[in-house]
Amino acid sequence: MNRFTQKKSSSHLLRRLLVTVVLFSSLVTVLLFGTSRVQKTAGDSQAESLRLAILHSAVHSYAMEGRYPESIDYIRDHYGISWNPDKYLVSYEIIGSNLMPDVNVFQRTDTKK
């Protein structure tokens, strides 16, 4: 054996392996957190788009018929707005025929897991 090279001990190799495992675990955790955050943001954006589409359809109905639709079923049937009821809960509250309805869209949480 060359006198200038040092023999690597098993504790040194174990320490390097431990550092590698910790770094890899940290990267996987950050990646999983990032993808779940992106999915939540996309779901919120889709819920807001659905809310705006329902409101635009209600305003269009008011402009054409002189009154806001009495139910969300009217908008669904006459304006082609559709959504996945397992994913979104839509609240459509009519205040009066000449007042804009209150529309809220909530993203359902998955409770079946």
C-alpha atoms as a PDB file:
ATOM      1  CA  MET A   1       0.000   0.000   0.000  1.00  0.00           C
ATOM      2  CA  ASN A   2       1.191   3.495  -0.816  1.00  0.00           C
ATOM      3  CA  ARG A   3       2.163   5.420   2.298  1.00  0.00           C
ATOM      4  CA  PHE A   4       0.582   8.651   0.978  1.00  0.00           C
ATOM      5  CA  THR A   5      -2.928   7.262   0.579  1.00  0.00           C
ATOM      6  CA  GLN A   6      -5.111   6.832   3.571  1.00  0.00           C
ATOM      7  CA  LYS A   7      -7.315   3.879   4.139  1.00  0.00           C
ATOM      8  CA  LYS A   8     -10.958   4.938   4.266  1.00  0.00           C
ATOM      9  CA  SER A   9     -12.670   3.740   7.356  1.00  0.00           C
ATOM     10  CA  SER A  10     -16.124   2.210   7.370  1.00  0.00           C
ATOM     11  CA  SER A  11     -17.412   5.080   9.532  1.00  0.00           C
ATOM     12  CA  HIS A  12     -16.424   7.566   6.816  1.00  0.00           C
ATOM     13  CA  LEU A  13     -18.329   5.555   4.185  1.00  0.00           C
ATOM     14  CA  LEU A  14     -21.320   5.234   6.498  1.00  0.00           C
ATOM     15  CA  ARG A  15     -21.350   9.004   7.079  1.00  0.00           C
ATOM     16  CA  ARG A  16     -21.282   9.696   3.327  1.00  0.00           C
ATOM     17  CA  LEU A  17     -24.103   7.224   2.775  1.00  0.00           C
ATOM     18  CA  LEU A  18     -26.154   8.846   5.526  1.00  0.00           C
ATOM     19  CA  VAL A  19     -25.646  12.324   4.045  1.00  0.00           C
ATOM     20  CA  THR A  20     -26.688  11.035   0.631  1.00  0.00           C
ATOM     21  CA  VAL A  21     -29.846   9.416   2.014  1.00  0.00           C
ATOM     22  CA  VAL A  22     -30.790  12.581   3.935  1.00  0.00           C
ATOM     23  CA  LEU A  23     -30.285  14.786   0.876  1.00  0.00           C
ATOM     24  CA  PHE A  24     -32.282  12.440  -1.342  1.00  0.00           C
ATOM     25  CA  SER A  25     -35.123  12.275   1.198  1.00  0.00           C
ATOM     26  CA  SER A  26     -35.160  16.071   1.451  1.00  0.00           C
ATOM     27  CA  LEU A  27     -35.382  16.457  -2.326  1.00  0.00           C
ATOM     28  CA  VAL A  28     -38.231  13.949  -2.570  1.00  0.00           C
ATOM     29  CA  THR A  29     -40.130  15.757   0.210  1.00  0.00           C
ATOM     30  CA  VAL A  30     -39.723  19.128  -1.505  1.00  0.00           C
ATOM     31  CA  LEU A  31     -40.838  17.643  -4.831  1.00  0.00           C
ATOM     32  CA  LEU A  32     -43.967  16.064  -3.324  1.00  0.00           C
ATOM     33  CA  PHE A  33     -44.867  19.266  -1.486  1.00  0.00           C
ATOM     34  CA  GLY A  34     -44.413  21.286  -4.674  1.00  0.00           C
ATOM     35  CA  THR A  35     -46.633  19.043  -6.783  1.00  0.00           C
ATOM     36  CA  SER A  36     -49.415  19.033  -4.196  1.00  0.00           C
ATOM     37  CA  ARG A  37     -49.256  22.822  -4.033  1.00  0.00           C
ATOM     38  CA  VAL A  38     -49.488  23.090  -7.825  1.00  0.00           C
ATOM     39  CA  GLN A  39     -52.515  20.764  -7.851  1.00  0.00           C
ATOM     40  CA  LYS A  40     -54.272  22.854  -5.205  1.00  0.00           C
ATOM     41  CA  THR A  41     -53.579  26.078  -7.085  1.00  0.00           C
ATOM     42  CA  ALA A  42     -54.874  24.554 -10.327  1.00  0.00           C
ATOM     43  CA  GLY A  43     -58.037  23.352  -8.579  1.00  0.00           C
ATOM     44  CA  ASP A  44     -58.646  26.785  -7.095  1.00  0.00           C
ATOM     45  CA  SER A  45     -58.166  28.354 -10.517  1.00  0.00           C
ATOM     46  CA  GLN A  46     -60.633  25.942 -12.103  1.00  0.00           C
ATOM     47  CA  ALA A  47     -63.203  26.657  -9.384  1.00  0.00           C
ATOM     48  CA  GLU A  48     -62.883  30.390  -9.997  1.00  0.00           C
ATOM     49  CA  SER A  49     -63.230  29.877 -13.770  1.00  0.00           C
ATOM     50  CA  LEU A  50     -66.411  27.872 -13.209  1.00  0.00           C
ATOM     51  CA  ARG A  51     -67.812  30.589 -10.921  1.00  0.00           C
ATOM     52  CA  LEU A  52     -67.105  33.269 -13.517  1.00  0.00           C
ATOM     53  CA  ALA A  53     -68.663  31.184 -16.312  1.00  0.00           C
ATOM     54  CA  ILE A  54     -71.848  30.783 -14.265  1.00  0.00           C
ATOM     55  CA  LEU A  55     -71.950  34.515 -13.514  1.00  0.00           C
ATOM     56  CA  HIS A  56     -71.402  35.416 -17.173  1.00  0.00           C
ATOM     57  CA  SER A  57     -74.208  33.076 -18.193  1.00  0.00           C
ATOM     58  CA  ALA A  58     -76.512  34.648 -15.606  1.00  0.00           C
ATOM     59  CA  VAL A  59     -75.684  38.148 -16.864  1.00  0.00           C
ATOM     60  CA  HIS A  60     -76.264  37.024 -20.447  1.00  0.00           C
ATOM     61  CA  SER A  61     -79.640  35.636 -19.425  1.00  0.00           C
ATOM     62  CA  TYR A  62     -80.494  38.947 -17.748  1.00  0.00           C
ATOM     63  CA  ALA A  63     -79.529  40.870 -20.886  1.00  0.00           C
ATOM     64  CA  MET A  64     -81.574  38.622 -23.176  1.00  0.00           C
ATOM     65  CA  GLU A  65     -84.601  37.829 -20.993  1.00  0.00           C
ATOM     66  CA  GLY A  66     -84.727  40.715 -18.526  1.00  0.00           C
ATOM     67  CA  ARG A  67     -84.265  38.504 -15.468  1.00  0.00           C
ATOM     68  CA  TYR A  68     -81.633  36.336 -13.865  1.00  0.00           C
ATOM     69  CA  PRO A  69     -82.122  32.553 -14.031  1.00  0.00           C
ATOM     70  CA  GLU A  70     -84.075  31.117 -11.117  1.00  0.00           C
ATOM     71  CA  SER A  71     -81.825  28.081 -10.707  1.00  0.00           C
ATOM     72  CA  ILE A  72     -78.486  26.656 -11.639  1.00  0.00           C
ATOM     73  CA  ASP A  73     -80.339  23.978 -13.629  1.00  0.00           C
ATOM     74  CA  TYR A  74     -81.581  26.653 -16.036  1.00  0.00           C
ATOM     75  CA  ILE A  75     -77.994  27.775 -16.674  1.00  0.00           C
ATOM     76  CA  ARG A  76     -76.847  24.188 -17.095  1.00  0.00           C
ATOM     77  CA  ASP A  77     -79.646  23.388 -19.560  1.00  0.00           C
ATOM     78  CA  HIS A  78     -79.632  26.592 -21.632  1.00  0.00           C
ATOM     79  CA  TYR A  79     -76.004  27.728 -21.545  1.00  0.00           C
ATOM     80  CA  GLY A  80     -74.091  24.455 -21.606  1.00  0.00           C
ATOM     81  CA  ILE A  81     -72.216  25.024 -18.375  1.00  0.00           C
ATOM     82  CA  SER A  82     -71.198  21.710 -16.839  1.00  0.00           C
ATOM     83  CA  TRP A  83     -68.917  20.541 -14.056  1.00  0.00           C
ATOM     84  CA  ASN A  84     -68.011  17.432 -12.167  1.00  0.00           C
ATOM     85  CA  PRO A  85     -70.297  17.359  -9.083  1.00  0.00           C
ATOM     86  CA  ASP A  86     -67.882  14.993  -7.346  1.00  0.00           C
ATOM     87  CA  LYS A  87     -65.163  17.636  -7.613  1.00  0.00           C
ATOM     88  CA  TYR A  88     -67.065  20.920  -7.170  1.00  0.00           C
ATOM     89  CA  LEU A  89     -69.998  22.067  -5.065  1.00  0.00           C
ATOM     90  CA  VAL A  90     -71.852  24.975  -6.661  1.00  0.00           C
ATOM     91  CA  SER A  91     -73.993  27.313  -4.593  1.00  0.00           C
ATOM     92  CA  TYR A  92     -76.406  29.480  -6.626  1.00  0.00           C
ATOM     93  CA  GLU A  93     -78.582  31.758  -4.512  1.00  0.00           C
ATOM     94  CA  ILE A  94     -81.116  33.941  -6.265  1.00  0.00           C
ATOM     95  CA  ILE A  95     -81.905  37.153  -4.414  1.00  0.00           C
ATOM     96  CA  GLY A  96     -84.466  38.541  -6.847  1.00  0.00           C
ATOM     97  CA  SER A  97     -85.233  38.486 -10.537  1.00  0.00           C
ATOM     98  CA  ASN A  98     -83.476  41.825 -11.034  1.00  0.00           C
ATOM     99  CA  LEU A  99     -80.542  41.313  -8.618  1.00  0.00           C
ATOM    100  CA  MET A 100     -77.415  39.398  -9.510  1.00  0.00           C
ATOM    101  CA  PRO A 101     -77.357  35.968  -7.869  1.00  0.00           C
ATOM    102  CA  ASP A 102     -74.738  34.968  -5.350  1.00  0.00           C
ATOM    103  CA  VAL A 103     -72.558  32.241  -6.878  1.00  0.00           C
ATOM    104  CA  ASN A 104     -69.949  30.278  -4.954  1.00  0.00           C
ATOM    105  CA  VAL A 105     -67.946  27.281  -6.110  1.00  0.00           C
ATOM    106  CA  PHE A 106     -66.207  25.079  -3.585  1.00  0.00           C
ATOM    107  CA  GLN A 107     -63.683  22.391  -4.374  1.00  0.00           C
ATOM    108  CA  ARG A 108     -64.652  19.161  -2.637  1.00  0.00           C
ATOM    109  CA  THR A 109     -62.006  17.386  -0.600  1.00  0.00           C
ATOM    110  CA  ASP A 110     -61.439  13.709  -1.243  1.00  0.00           C
ATOM    111  CA  THR A 111     -62.782  11.905   1.810  1.00  0.00           C
ATOM    112  CA  LYS A 112     -62.778   8.444   0.198  1.00  0.00           C
ATOM    113  CA  LYS A 113     -59.095   7.751   0.813  1.00  0.00           C
END
